[in-house]
Amino acid sequence: MTPALETTDTGLKVRIRLADGTWFAVCGLSALLPGRGVAALLPDGRQAAVFTDRTGGLYAVDNRDPFTGAAVLSRGLTGTRAGRPFVASPLLKQRFDLETGRCLDDDAVRLRTYQVEAA
């Protein structure tokens, strides 16, 4: 998670750190609304689901639901559990911690997470 930022900042781009260490711009910060995700196509063909919360924290996880294989997590509902942000899959409703990628409903399942920043 990055430090909180105002979503009204103009000119800031949301960037995801790729496996090779480079940063890839996925959208403008103003495109993110708290509680709603944005799907981003990465150079390796994967999709990331990018979110911001009401405090301005930024999160990025794999967009692919590991239970169904569908790329839908960016359309999921966000919330908190014990102070931890999560996204719930819109299909089968499993919840995933946005910071760690851990499935809150099945400890054996985890999403890939990405380092994300606004710059």
PDB file of N, CA and C in Angstrom:
ATOM      1  N   MET A   1       0.848  -1.177   0.000  1.00  0.00           N
ATOM      2  CA  MET A   1       0.000   0.000   0.000  1.00  0.00           C
ATOM      3  C   MET A   1       0.887   1.231   0.000  1.00  0.00           C
ATOM      4  N   THR A   2       0.464   2.258  -0.678  1.00  0.00           N
ATOM      5  CA  THR A   2       1.203   3.510  -0.718  1.00  0.00           C
ATOM      6  C   THR A   2       0.568   4.489   0.254  1.00  0.00           C
ATOM      7  N   PRO A   3       1.272   5.562   0.579  1.00  0.00           N
ATOM      8  CA  PRO A   3       0.655   6.590   1.432  1.00  0.00           C
ATOM      9  C   PRO A   3      -0.595   7.152   0.772  1.00  0.00           C
ATOM     10  N   ALA A   4      -1.488   7.635   1.596  1.00  0.00           N
ATOM     11  CA  ALA A   4      -2.753   8.167   1.100  1.00  0.00           C
ATOM     12  C   ALA A   4      -2.522   9.378   0.197  1.00  0.00           C
ATOM     13  N   LEU A   5      -3.266   9.433  -0.879  1.00  0.00           N
ATOM     14  CA  LEU A   5      -3.212  10.548  -1.819  1.00  0.00           C
ATOM     15  C   LEU A   5      -4.622  11.037  -2.081  1.00  0.00           C
ATOM     16  N   GLU A   6      -4.741  12.298  -2.400  1.00  0.00           N
ATOM     17  CA  GLU A   6      -6.041  12.847  -2.783  1.00  0.00           C
ATOM     18  C   GLU A   6      -6.372  12.372  -4.195  1.00  0.00           C
ATOM     19  N   THR A   7      -7.583  11.845  -4.395  1.00  0.00           N
ATOM     20  CA  THR A   7      -7.954  11.382  -5.732  1.00  0.00           C
ATOM     21  C   THR A   7      -8.249  12.542  -6.675  1.00  0.00           C
ATOM     22  N   THR A   8      -8.262  13.773  -6.160  1.00  0.00           N
ATOM     23  CA  THR A   8      -8.487  14.918  -7.019  1.00  0.00           C
ATOM     24  C   THR A   8      -7.183  15.456  -7.594  1.00  0.00           C
ATOM     25  N   ASP A   9      -6.026  14.913  -7.203  1.00  0.00           N
ATOM     26  CA  ASP A   9      -4.754  15.336  -7.769  1.00  0.00           C
ATOM     27  C   ASP A   9      -4.800  15.141  -9.275  1.00  0.00           C
ATOM     28  N   THR A  10      -4.398  16.140 -10.031  1.00  0.00           N
ATOM     29  CA  THR A  10      -4.420  16.014 -11.486  1.00  0.00           C
ATOM     30  C   THR A  10      -3.022  15.728 -11.989  1.00  0.00           C
ATOM     31  N   GLY A  11      -2.955  15.018 -13.085  1.00  0.00           N
ATOM     32  CA  GLY A  11      -1.673  14.720 -13.690  1.00  0.00           C
ATOM     33  C   GLY A  11      -0.966  13.505 -13.120  1.00  0.00           C
ATOM     34  N   LEU A  12      -1.421  12.967 -12.005  1.00  0.00           N
ATOM     35  CA  LEU A  12      -0.776  11.793 -11.435  1.00  0.00           C
ATOM     36  C   LEU A  12      -1.222  10.536 -12.164  1.00  0.00           C
ATOM     37  N   LYS A  13      -0.283   9.660 -12.421  1.00  0.00           N
ATOM     38  CA  LYS A  13      -0.554   8.378 -13.071  1.00  0.00           C
ATOM     39  C   LYS A  13      -0.390   7.262 -12.051  1.00  0.00           C
ATOM     40  N   VAL A  14      -1.271   6.290 -12.103  1.00  0.00           N
ATOM     41  CA  VAL A  14      -1.135   5.101 -11.270  1.00  0.00           C
ATOM     42  C   VAL A  14      -0.219   4.146 -12.014  1.00  0.00           C
ATOM     43  N   ARG A  15       0.827   3.692 -11.335  1.00  0.00           N
ATOM     44  CA  ARG A  15       1.802   2.802 -11.948  1.00  0.00           C
ATOM     45  C   ARG A  15       1.926   1.519 -11.131  1.00  0.00           C
ATOM     46  N   ILE A  16       2.136   0.421 -11.848  1.00  0.00           N
ATOM     47  CA  ILE A  16       2.331  -0.893 -11.248  1.00  0.00           C
ATOM     48  C   ILE A  16       3.766  -1.321 -11.504  1.00  0.00           C
ATOM     49  N   ARG A  17       4.401  -1.873 -10.476  1.00  0.00           N
ATOM     50  CA  ARG A  17       5.756  -2.398 -10.639  1.00  0.00           C
ATOM     51  C   ARG A  17       5.677  -3.803 -11.206  1.00  0.00           C
ATOM     52  N   LEU A  18       6.319  -4.019 -12.348  1.00  0.00           N
ATOM     53  CA  LEU A  18       6.313  -5.314 -13.016  1.00  0.00           C
ATOM     54  C   LEU A  18       7.395  -6.219 -12.429  1.00  0.00           C
ATOM     55  N   ALA A  19       7.364  -7.491 -12.789  1.00  0.00           N
ATOM     56  CA  ALA A  19       8.307  -8.479 -12.261  1.00  0.00           C
ATOM     57  C   ALA A  19       9.754  -8.111 -12.556  1.00  0.00           C
ATOM     58  N   ASP A  20      10.001  -7.413 -13.665  1.00  0.00           N
ATOM     59  CA  ASP A  20      11.378  -7.044 -14.011  1.00  0.00           C
ATOM     60  C   ASP A  20      11.838  -5.767 -13.307  1.00  0.00           C
ATOM     61  N   GLY A  21      10.983  -5.206 -12.445  1.00  0.00           N
ATOM     62  CA  GLY A  21      11.340  -4.021 -11.672  1.00  0.00           C
ATOM     63  C   GLY A  21      10.967  -2.698 -12.318  1.00  0.00           C
ATOM     64  N   THR A  22      10.484  -2.721 -13.550  1.00  0.00           N
ATOM     65  CA  THR A  22      10.083  -1.481 -14.206  1.00  0.00           C
ATOM     66  C   THR A  22       8.675  -1.096 -13.779  1.00  0.00           C
ATOM     67  N   TRP A  23       8.369   0.181 -13.918  1.00  0.00           N
ATOM     68  CA  TRP A  23       7.040   0.697 -13.587  1.00  0.00           C
ATOM     69  C   TRP A  23       6.250   0.873 -14.869  1.00  0.00           C
ATOM     70  N   PHE A  24       4.968   0.495 -14.819  1.00  0.00           N
ATOM     71  CA  PHE A  24       4.084   0.559 -15.983  1.00  0.00           C
ATOM     72  C   PHE A  24       2.863   1.384 -15.610  1.00  0.00           C
ATOM     73  N   ALA A  25       2.630   2.480 -16.339  1.00  0.00           N
ATOM     74  CA  ALA A  25       1.473   3.340 -16.070  1.00  0.00           C
ATOM     75  C   ALA A  25       0.198   2.656 -16.559  1.00  0.00           C
ATOM     76  N   VAL A  26      -0.817   2.584 -15.682  1.00  0.00           N
ATOM     77  CA  VAL A  26      -2.058   1.895 -16.046  1.00  0.00           C
ATOM     78  C   VAL A  26      -3.239   2.834 -16.228  1.00  0.00           C
ATOM     79  N   CYS A  27      -3.259   3.959 -15.532  1.00  0.00           N
ATOM     80  CA  CYS A  27      -4.356   4.909 -15.677  1.00  0.00           C
ATOM     81  C   CYS A  27      -4.021   6.175 -14.905  1.00  0.00           C
ATOM     82  N   GLY A  28      -4.809   7.196 -15.118  1.00  0.00           N
ATOM     83  CA  GLY A  28      -4.681   8.403 -14.319  1.00  0.00           C
ATOM     84  C   GLY A  28      -5.305   8.178 -12.947  1.00  0.00           C
ATOM     85  N   LEU A  29      -4.765   8.808 -11.936  1.00  0.00           N
ATOM     86  CA  LEU A  29      -5.303   8.653 -10.586  1.00  0.00           C
ATOM     87  C   LEU A  29      -6.771   9.066 -10.523  1.00  0.00           C
ATOM     88  N   SER A  30      -7.155  10.055 -11.316  1.00  0.00           N
ATOM     89  CA  SER A  30      -8.538  10.531 -11.302  1.00  0.00           C
ATOM     90  C   SER A  30      -9.517   9.489 -11.847  1.00  0.00           C
ATOM     91  N   ALA A  31      -9.021   8.444 -12.536  1.00  0.00           N
ATOM     92  CA  ALA A  31      -9.899   7.378 -13.053  1.00  0.00           C
ATOM     93  C   ALA A  31     -10.358   6.424 -11.951  1.00  0.00           C
ATOM     94  N   LEU A  32      -9.698   6.467 -10.813  1.00  0.00           N
ATOM     95  CA  LEU A  32     -10.053   5.564  -9.711  1.00  0.00           C
ATOM     96  C   LEU A  32     -11.037   6.228  -8.759  1.00  0.00           C
ATOM     97  N   LEU A  33     -12.090   5.512  -8.446  1.00  0.00           N
ATOM     98  CA  LEU A  33     -13.065   5.963  -7.460  1.00  0.00           C
ATOM     99  C   LEU A  33     -13.050   4.981  -6.300  1.00  0.00           C
ATOM    100  N   PRO A  34     -13.102   5.460  -5.073  1.00  0.00           N
ATOM    101  CA  PRO A  34     -13.119   4.537  -3.936  1.00  0.00           C
ATOM    102  C   PRO A  34     -14.244   3.516  -4.076  1.00  0.00           C
ATOM    103  N   GLY A  35     -13.892   2.257  -3.870  1.00  0.00           N
ATOM    104  CA  GLY A  35     -14.883   1.195  -3.932  1.00  0.00           C
ATOM    105  C   GLY A  35     -15.093   0.607  -5.314  1.00  0.00           C
ATOM    106  N   ARG A  36     -14.486   1.178  -6.330  1.00  0.00           N
ATOM    107  CA  ARG A  36     -14.626   0.672  -7.695  1.00  0.00           C
ATOM    108  C   ARG A  36     -13.248   0.361  -8.263  1.00  0.00           C
ATOM    109  N   GLY A  37     -13.147  -0.736  -8.964  1.00  0.00           N
ATOM    110  CA  GLY A  37     -11.875  -1.134  -9.537  1.00  0.00           C
ATOM    111  C   GLY A  37     -11.738  -0.756 -10.992  1.00  0.00           C
ATOM    112  N   VAL A  38     -10.509  -0.792 -11.464  1.00  0.00           N
ATOM    113  CA  VAL A  38     -10.178  -0.574 -12.864  1.00  0.00           C
ATOM    114  C   VAL A  38      -9.337  -1.756 -13.307  1.00  0.00           C
ATOM    115  N   ALA A  39      -9.665  -2.348 -14.447  1.00  0.00           N
ATOM    116  CA  ALA A  39      -8.862  -3.440 -14.998  1.00  0.00           C
ATOM    117  C   ALA A  39      -7.786  -2.843 -15.893  1.00  0.00           C
ATOM    118  N   ALA A  40      -6.572  -3.380 -15.773  1.00  0.00           N
ATOM    119  CA  ALA A  40      -5.452  -2.894 -16.568  1.00  0.00           C
ATOM    120  C   ALA A  40      -4.754  -4.074 -17.235  1.00  0.00           C
ATOM    121  N   LEU A  41      -4.528  -3.967 -18.531  1.00  0.00           N
ATOM    122  CA  LEU A  41      -3.791  -4.983 -19.268  1.00  0.00           C
ATOM    123  C   LEU A  41      -2.307  -4.679 -19.138  1.00  0.00           C
ATOM    124  N   LEU A  42      -1.544  -5.650 -18.648  1.00  0.00           N
ATOM    125  CA  LEU A  42      -0.111  -5.483 -18.441  1.00  0.00           C
ATOM    126  C   LEU A  42       0.657  -5.989 -19.666  1.00  0.00           C
ATOM    127  N   PRO A  43       1.913  -5.565 -19.832  1.00  0.00           N
ATOM    128  CA  PRO A  43       2.679  -5.964 -21.019  1.00  0.00           C
ATOM    129  C   PRO A  43       2.848  -7.468 -21.190  1.00  0.00           C
ATOM    130  N   ASP A  44       2.802  -8.244 -20.105  1.00  0.00           N
ATOM    131  CA  ASP A  44       2.969  -9.701 -20.222  1.00  0.00           C
ATOM    132  C   ASP A  44       1.660 -10.419 -20.544  1.00  0.00           C
ATOM    133  N   GLY A  45       0.575  -9.654 -20.773  1.00  0.00           N
ATOM    134  CA  GLY A  45      -0.716 -10.239 -21.112  1.00  0.00           C
ATOM    135  C   GLY A  45      -1.615 -10.482 -19.910  1.00  0.00           C
ATOM    136  N   ARG A  46      -1.080 -10.356 -18.707  1.00  0.00           N
ATOM    137  CA  ARG A  46      -1.908 -10.496 -17.502  1.00  0.00           C
ATOM    138  C   ARG A  46      -2.774  -9.253 -17.336  1.00  0.00           C
ATOM    139  N   GLN A  47      -3.781  -9.392 -16.490  1.00  0.00           N
ATOM    140  CA  GLN A  47      -4.605  -8.247 -16.127  1.00  0.00           C
ATOM    141  C   GLN A  47      -4.467  -8.002 -14.631  1.00  0.00           C
ATOM    142  N   ALA A  48      -4.423  -6.737 -14.261  1.00  0.00           N
ATOM    143  CA  ALA A  48      -4.420  -6.356 -12.853  1.00  0.00           C
ATOM    144  C   ALA A  48      -5.716  -5.617 -12.556  1.00  0.00           C
ATOM    145  N   ALA A  49      -6.204  -5.783 -11.342  1.00  0.00           N
ATOM    146  CA  ALA A  49      -7.348  -5.016 -10.844  1.00  0.00           C
ATOM    147  C   ALA A  49      -6.778  -3.973  -9.890  1.00  0.00           C
ATOM    148  N   VAL A  50      -7.038  -2.707 -10.161  1.00  0.00           N
ATOM    149  CA  VAL A  50      -6.467  -1.606  -9.391  1.00  0.00           C
ATOM    150  C   VAL A  50      -7.592  -0.917  -8.631  1.00  0.00           C
ATOM    151  N   PHE A  51      -7.331  -0.634  -7.353  1.00  0.00           N
ATOM    152  CA  PHE A  51      -8.346  -0.038  -6.479  1.00  0.00           C
ATOM    153  C   PHE A  51      -7.741   1.093  -5.661  1.00  0.00           C
ATOM    154  N   THR A  52      -8.596   2.006  -5.248  1.00  0.00           N
ATOM    155  CA  THR A  52      -8.259   2.972  -4.211  1.00  0.00           C
ATOM    156  C   THR A  52      -9.362   2.884  -3.165  1.00  0.00           C
ATOM    157  N   ASP A  53      -9.008   3.228  -1.931  1.00  0.00           N
ATOM    158  CA  ASP A  53     -10.034   3.222  -0.884  1.00  0.00           C
ATOM    159  C   ASP A  53     -10.344   4.652  -0.458  1.00  0.00           C
ATOM    160  N   ARG A  54     -11.207   4.795   0.509  1.00  0.00           N
ATOM    161  CA  ARG A  54     -11.648   6.131   0.934  1.00  0.00           C
ATOM    162  C   ARG A  54     -10.522   6.966   1.537  1.00  0.00           C
ATOM    163  N   THR A  55      -9.458   6.307   2.010  1.00  0.00           N
ATOM    164  CA  THR A  55      -8.325   7.051   2.580  1.00  0.00           C
ATOM    165  C   THR A  55      -7.277   7.377   1.527  1.00  0.00           C
ATOM    166  N   GLY A  56      -7.493   6.936   0.271  1.00  0.00           N
ATOM    167  CA  GLY A  56      -6.546   7.210  -0.795  1.00  0.00           C
ATOM    168  C   GLY A  56      -5.490   6.132  -0.981  1.00  0.00           C
ATOM    169  N   GLY A  57      -5.574   5.038  -0.221  1.00  0.00           N
ATOM    170  CA  GLY A  57      -4.634   3.938  -0.399  1.00  0.00           C
ATOM    171  C   GLY A  57      -4.826   3.281  -1.754  1.00  0.00           C
ATOM    172  N   LEU A  58      -3.742   2.850  -2.364  1.00  0.00           N
ATOM    173  CA  LEU A  58      -3.789   2.207  -3.674  1.00  0.00           C
ATOM    174  C   LEU A  58      -3.429   0.732  -3.551  1.00  0.00           C
ATOM    175  N   TYR A  59      -4.111  -0.110  -4.328  1.00  0.00           N
ATOM    176  CA  TYR A  59      -3.896  -1.553  -4.303  1.00  0.00           C
ATOM    177  C   TYR A  59      -3.989  -2.093  -5.719  1.00  0.00           C
ATOM    178  N   ALA A  60      -3.220  -3.148  -5.996  1.00  0.00           N
ATOM    179  CA  ALA A  60      -3.321  -3.825  -7.285  1.00  0.00           C
ATOM    180  C   ALA A  60      -3.129  -5.321  -7.066  1.00  0.00           C
ATOM    181  N   VAL A  61      -4.072  -6.094  -7.588  1.00  0.00           N
ATOM    182  CA  VAL A  61      -4.034  -7.550  -7.495  1.00  0.00           C
ATOM    183  C   VAL A  61      -4.338  -8.129  -8.875  1.00  0.00           C
ATOM    184  N   ASP A  62      -4.088  -9.425  -9.034  1.00  0.00           N
ATOM    185  CA  ASP A  62      -4.439 -10.096 -10.282  1.00  0.00           C
ATOM    186  C   ASP A  62      -5.945  -9.957 -10.497  1.00  0.00           C
ATOM    187  N   ASN A  63      -6.366  -9.677 -11.717  1.00  0.00           N
ATOM    188  CA  ASN A  63      -7.788  -9.510 -12.019  1.00  0.00           C
ATOM    189  C   ASN A  63      -8.509 -10.847 -12.191  1.00  0.00           C
ATOM    190  N   ARG A  64      -7.763 -11.924 -12.337  1.00  0.00           N
ATOM    191  CA  ARG A  64      -8.344 -13.244 -12.596  1.00  0.00           C
ATOM    192  C   ARG A  64      -8.822 -13.883 -11.294  1.00  0.00           C
ATOM    193  N   ASP A  65     -10.090 -14.251 -11.251  1.00  0.00           N
ATOM    194  CA  ASP A  65     -10.665 -14.956 -10.106  1.00  0.00           C
ATOM    195  C   ASP A  65     -10.121 -16.389 -10.139  1.00  0.00           C
ATOM    196  N   PRO A  66      -9.369 -16.815  -9.114  1.00  0.00           N
ATOM    197  CA  PRO A  66      -8.774 -18.155  -9.152  1.00  0.00           C
ATOM    198  C   PRO A  66      -9.793 -19.285  -9.038  1.00  0.00           C
ATOM    199  N   PHE A  67     -10.994 -19.002  -8.609  1.00  0.00           N
ATOM    200  CA  PHE A  67     -12.017 -20.030  -8.468  1.00  0.00           C
ATOM    201  C   PHE A  67     -12.765 -20.292  -9.776  1.00  0.00           C
ATOM    202  N   THR A  68     -12.879 -19.277 -10.628  1.00  0.00           N
ATOM    203  CA  THR A  68     -13.626 -19.440 -11.882  1.00  0.00           C
ATOM    204  C   THR A  68     -12.762 -19.262 -13.120  1.00  0.00           C
ATOM    205  N   GLY A  69     -11.620 -18.611 -12.977  1.00  0.00           N
ATOM    206  CA  GLY A  69     -10.770 -18.320 -14.120  1.00  0.00           C
ATOM    207  C   GLY A  69     -11.184 -17.075 -14.880  1.00  0.00           C
ATOM    208  N   ALA A  70     -12.271 -16.444 -14.494  1.00  0.00           N
ATOM    209  CA  ALA A  70     -12.762 -15.245 -15.180  1.00  0.00           C
ATOM    210  C   ALA A  70     -12.016 -13.994 -14.692  1.00  0.00           C
ATOM    211  N   ALA A  71     -11.760 -13.082 -15.593  1.00  0.00           N
ATOM    212  CA  ALA A  71     -11.083 -11.830 -15.259  1.00  0.00           C
ATOM    213  C   ALA A  71     -12.121 -10.801 -14.815  1.00  0.00           C
ATOM    214  N   VAL A  72     -12.521 -10.882 -13.545  1.00  0.00           N
ATOM    215  CA  VAL A  72     -13.645 -10.073 -13.064  1.00  0.00           C
ATOM    216  C   VAL A  72     -13.406  -9.347 -11.739  1.00  0.00           C
ATOM    217  N   LEU A  73     -12.264  -9.535 -11.109  1.00  0.00           N
ATOM    218  CA  LEU A  73     -12.106  -8.973  -9.766  1.00  0.00           C
ATOM    219  C   LEU A  73     -12.167  -7.449  -9.741  1.00  0.00           C
ATOM    220  N   SER A  74     -11.823  -6.794 -10.848  1.00  0.00           N
ATOM    221  CA  SER A  74     -11.933  -5.332 -10.885  1.00  0.00           C
ATOM    222  C   SER A  74     -13.380  -4.873 -10.744  1.00  0.00           C
ATOM    223  N   ARG A  75     -14.330  -5.780 -10.981  1.00  0.00           N
ATOM    224  CA  ARG A  75     -15.760  -5.465 -10.841  1.00  0.00           C
ATOM    225  C   ARG A  75     -16.329  -5.876  -9.481  1.00  0.00           C
ATOM    226  N   GLY A  76     -15.447  -6.364  -8.611  1.00  0.00           N
ATOM    227  CA  GLY A  76     -15.892  -6.839  -7.301  1.00  0.00           C
ATOM    228  C   GLY A  76     -16.211  -5.711  -6.337  1.00  0.00           C
ATOM    229  N   LEU A  77     -16.868  -6.077  -5.253  1.00  0.00           N
ATOM    230  CA  LEU A  77     -17.203  -5.130  -4.189  1.00  0.00           C
ATOM    231  C   LEU A  77     -16.055  -5.052  -3.203  1.00  0.00           C
ATOM    232  N   THR A  78     -15.737  -3.851  -2.757  1.00  0.00           N
ATOM    233  CA  THR A  78     -14.668  -3.686  -1.781  1.00  0.00           C
ATOM    234  C   THR A  78     -15.254  -3.435  -0.398  1.00  0.00           C
ATOM    235  N   GLY A  79     -14.453  -3.723   0.600  1.00  0.00           N
ATOM    236  CA  GLY A  79     -14.861  -3.512   1.975  1.00  0.00           C
ATOM    237  C   GLY A  79     -13.671  -3.698   2.885  1.00  0.00           C
ATOM    238  N   THR A  80     -13.939  -3.777   4.183  1.00  0.00           N
ATOM    239  CA  THR A  80     -12.876  -4.046   5.153  1.00  0.00           C
ATOM    240  C   THR A  80     -13.333  -5.135   6.102  1.00  0.00           C
ATOM    241  N   ARG A  81     -12.373  -5.881   6.575  1.00  0.00           N
ATOM    242  CA  ARG A  81     -12.609  -6.914   7.590  1.00  0.00           C
ATOM    243  C   ARG A  81     -11.481  -6.792   8.587  1.00  0.00           C
ATOM    244  N   ALA A  82     -11.819  -6.536   9.837  1.00  0.00           N
ATOM    245  CA  ALA A  82     -10.827  -6.333  10.893  1.00  0.00           C
ATOM    246  C   ALA A  82      -9.807  -5.268  10.475  1.00  0.00           C
ATOM    247  N   GLY A  83     -10.298  -4.216   9.806  1.00  0.00           N
ATOM    248  CA  GLY A  83      -9.445  -3.113   9.401  1.00  0.00           C
ATOM    249  C   GLY A  83      -8.604  -3.370   8.169  1.00  0.00           C
ATOM    250  N   ARG A  84      -8.778  -4.510   7.514  1.00  0.00           N
ATOM    251  CA  ARG A  84      -8.007  -4.861   6.316  1.00  0.00           C
ATOM    252  C   ARG A  84      -8.888  -4.732   5.078  1.00  0.00           C
ATOM    253  N   PRO A  85      -8.393  -4.061   4.034  1.00  0.00           N
ATOM    254  CA  PRO A  85      -9.187  -3.899   2.818  1.00  0.00           C
ATOM    255  C   PRO A  85      -9.278  -5.200   2.030  1.00  0.00           C
ATOM    256  N   PHE A  86     -10.440  -5.459   1.438  1.00  0.00           N
ATOM    257  CA  PHE A  86     -10.603  -6.649   0.612  1.00  0.00           C
ATOM    258  C   PHE A  86     -11.480  -6.333  -0.588  1.00  0.00           C
ATOM    259  N   VAL A  87     -11.422  -7.235  -1.575  1.00  0.00           N
ATOM    260  CA  VAL A  87     -12.349  -7.214  -2.702  1.00  0.00           C
ATOM    261  C   VAL A  87     -13.047  -8.560  -2.717  1.00  0.00           C
ATOM    262  N   ALA A  88     -14.361  -8.548  -2.953  1.00  0.00           N
ATOM    263  CA  ALA A  88     -15.141  -9.780  -3.059  1.00  0.00           C
ATOM    264  C   ALA A  88     -15.430 -10.036  -4.529  1.00  0.00           C
ATOM    265  N   SER A  89     -15.164 -11.254  -4.959  1.00  0.00           N
ATOM    266  CA  SER A  89     -15.425 -11.612  -6.353  1.00  0.00           C
ATOM    267  C   SER A  89     -16.903 -11.422  -6.669  1.00  0.00           C
ATOM    268  N   PRO A  90     -17.216 -10.848  -7.828  1.00  0.00           N
ATOM    269  CA  PRO A  90     -18.626 -10.677  -8.189  1.00  0.00           C
ATOM    270  C   PRO A  90     -19.300 -11.993  -8.580  1.00  0.00           C
ATOM    271  N   LEU A  91     -18.531 -13.063  -8.754  1.00  0.00           N
ATOM    272  CA  LEU A  91     -19.126 -14.333  -9.175  1.00  0.00           C
ATOM    273  C   LEU A  91     -19.490 -15.222  -7.993  1.00  0.00           C
ATOM    274  N   LEU A  92     -18.495 -15.711  -7.276  1.00  0.00           N
ATOM    275  CA  LEU A  92     -18.768 -16.650  -6.178  1.00  0.00           C
ATOM    276  C   LEU A  92     -18.612 -16.023  -4.795  1.00  0.00           C
ATOM    277  N   LYS A  93     -18.262 -14.747  -4.765  1.00  0.00           N
ATOM    278  CA  LYS A  93     -18.230 -13.921  -3.546  1.00  0.00           C
ATOM    279  C   LYS A  93     -17.061 -14.192  -2.602  1.00  0.00           C
ATOM    280  N   GLN A  94     -16.022 -14.953  -3.018  1.00  0.00           N
ATOM    281  CA  GLN A  94     -14.855 -15.101  -2.160  1.00  0.00           C
ATOM    282  C   GLN A  94     -14.199 -13.734  -1.997  1.00  0.00           C
ATOM    283  N   ARG A  95     -13.658 -13.501  -0.813  1.00  0.00           N
ATOM    284  CA  ARG A  95     -13.033 -12.221  -0.492  1.00  0.00           C
ATOM    285  C   ARG A  95     -11.517 -12.376  -0.487  1.00  0.00           C
ATOM    286  N   PHE A  96     -10.829 -11.357  -1.039  1.00  0.00           N
ATOM    287  CA  PHE A  96      -9.378 -11.377  -1.130  1.00  0.00           C
ATOM    288  C   PHE A  96      -8.802 -10.121  -0.497  1.00  0.00           C
ATOM    289  N   ASP A  97      -7.826 -10.309   0.404  1.00  0.00           N
ATOM    290  CA  ASP A  97      -7.135  -9.200   1.047  1.00  0.00           C
ATOM    291  C   ASP A  97      -6.395  -8.415  -0.035  1.00  0.00           C
ATOM    292  N   LEU A  98      -6.620  -7.121  -0.128  1.00  0.00           N
ATOM    293  CA  LEU A  98      -6.002  -6.312  -1.177  1.00  0.00           C
ATOM    294  C   LEU A  98      -4.524  -6.050  -0.934  1.00  0.00           C
ATOM    295  N   GLU A  99      -4.053  -6.213   0.300  1.00  0.00           N
ATOM    296  CA  GLU A  99      -2.637  -5.990   0.584  1.00  0.00           C
ATOM    297  C   GLU A  99      -1.803  -7.250   0.380  1.00  0.00           C
ATOM    298  N   THR A 100      -2.346  -8.407   0.740  1.00  0.00           N
ATOM    299  CA  THR A 100      -1.569  -9.648   0.682  1.00  0.00           C
ATOM    300  C   THR A 100      -2.018 -10.591  -0.428  1.00  0.00           C
ATOM    301  N   GLY A 101      -3.239 -10.421  -0.937  1.00  0.00           N
ATOM    302  CA  GLY A 101      -3.797 -11.323  -1.936  1.00  0.00           C
ATOM    303  C   GLY A 101      -4.410 -12.582  -1.358  1.00  0.00           C
ATOM    304  N   ARG A 102      -4.308 -12.787  -0.045  1.00  0.00           N
ATOM    305  CA  ARG A 102      -4.817 -13.999   0.604  1.00  0.00           C
ATOM    306  C   ARG A 102      -6.333 -14.050   0.525  1.00  0.00           C
ATOM    307  N   CYS A 103      -6.859 -15.226   0.172  1.00  0.00           N
ATOM    308  CA  CYS A 103      -8.303 -15.421   0.169  1.00  0.00           C
ATOM    309  C   CYS A 103      -8.770 -15.546   1.614  1.00  0.00           C
ATOM    310  N   LEU A 104      -9.702 -14.725   2.019  1.00  0.00           N
ATOM    311  CA  LEU A 104     -10.201 -14.742   3.392  1.00  0.00           C
ATOM    312  C   LEU A 104     -11.134 -15.914   3.646  1.00  0.00           C
ATOM    313  N   ASP A 105     -11.543 -16.598   2.585  1.00  0.00           N
ATOM    314  CA  ASP A 105     -12.479 -17.709   2.707  1.00  0.00           C
ATOM    315  C   ASP A 105     -11.828 -19.059   2.449  1.00  0.00           C
ATOM    316  N   ASP A 106     -10.560 -19.074   2.015  1.00  0.00           N
ATOM    317  CA  ASP A 106      -9.846 -20.318   1.722  1.00  0.00           C
ATOM    318  C   ASP A 106      -8.350 -20.024   1.807  1.00  0.00           C
ATOM    319  N   ASP A 107      -7.723 -20.395   2.925  1.00  0.00           N
ATOM    320  CA  ASP A 107      -6.311 -20.074   3.155  1.00  0.00           C
ATOM    321  C   ASP A 107      -5.366 -20.657   2.116  1.00  0.00           C
ATOM    322  N   ALA A 108      -5.799 -21.629   1.346  1.00  0.00           N
ATOM    323  CA  ALA A 108      -4.934 -22.257   0.342  1.00  0.00           C
ATOM    324  C   ALA A 108      -4.854 -21.450  -0.950  1.00  0.00           C
ATOM    325  N   VAL A 109      -5.654 -20.394  -1.067  1.00  0.00           N
ATOM    326  CA  VAL A 109      -5.726 -19.636  -2.314  1.00  0.00           C
ATOM    327  C   VAL A 109      -5.212 -18.217  -2.077  1.00  0.00           C
ATOM    328  N   ARG A 110      -4.447 -17.727  -3.057  1.00  0.00           N
ATOM    329  CA  ARG A 110      -3.869 -16.383  -2.954  1.00  0.00           C
ATOM    330  C   ARG A 110      -3.781 -15.759  -4.344  1.00  0.00           C
ATOM    331  N   LEU A 111      -4.051 -14.463  -4.408  1.00  0.00           N
ATOM    332  CA  LEU A 111      -3.884 -13.700  -5.643  1.00  0.00           C
ATOM    333  C   LEU A 111      -2.481 -13.113  -5.699  1.00  0.00           C
ATOM    334  N   ARG A 112      -1.991 -12.877  -6.900  1.00  0.00           N
ATOM    335  CA  ARG A 112      -0.756 -12.117  -7.065  1.00  0.00           C
ATOM    336  C   ARG A 112      -1.063 -10.667  -6.714  1.00  0.00           C
ATOM    337  N   THR A 113      -0.188 -10.036  -5.999  1.00  0.00           N
ATOM    338  CA  THR A 113      -0.317  -8.610  -5.685  1.00  0.00           C
ATOM    339  C   THR A 113       0.794  -7.861  -6.405  1.00  0.00           C
ATOM    340  N   TYR A 114       0.567  -6.583  -6.615  1.00  0.00           N
ATOM    341  CA  TYR A 114       1.537  -5.731  -7.282  1.00  0.00           C
ATOM    342  C   TYR A 114       1.810  -4.528  -6.436  1.00  0.00           C
ATOM    343  N   GLN A 115       3.061  -4.073  -6.447  1.00  0.00           N
ATOM    344  CA  GLN A 115       3.381  -2.802  -5.824  1.00  0.00           C
ATOM    345  C   GLN A 115       2.787  -1.725  -6.728  1.00  0.00           C
ATOM    346  N   VAL A 116       2.154  -0.735  -6.133  1.00  0.00           N
ATOM    347  CA  VAL A 116       1.465   0.291  -6.912  1.00  0.00           C
ATOM    348  C   VAL A 116       1.755   1.657  -6.305  1.00  0.00           C
ATOM    349  N   GLU A 117       1.830   2.664  -7.175  1.00  0.00           N
ATOM    350  CA  GLU A 117       2.094   4.036  -6.715  1.00  0.00           C
ATOM    351  C   GLU A 117       1.421   5.026  -7.648  1.00  0.00           C
ATOM    352  N   ALA A 118       1.289   6.236  -7.166  1.00  0.00           N
ATOM    353  CA  ALA A 118       0.822   7.337  -8.008  1.00  0.00           C
ATOM    354  C   ALA A 118       1.992   8.301  -8.123  1.00  0.00           C
ATOM    355  N   ALA A 119       2.370   8.597  -9.339  1.00  0.00           N
ATOM    356  CA  ALA A 119       3.530   9.481  -9.556  1.00  0.00           C
ATOM    357  C   ALA A 119       3.253  10.405 -10.738  1.00  0.00           C
TER     358      ALA A 119
END
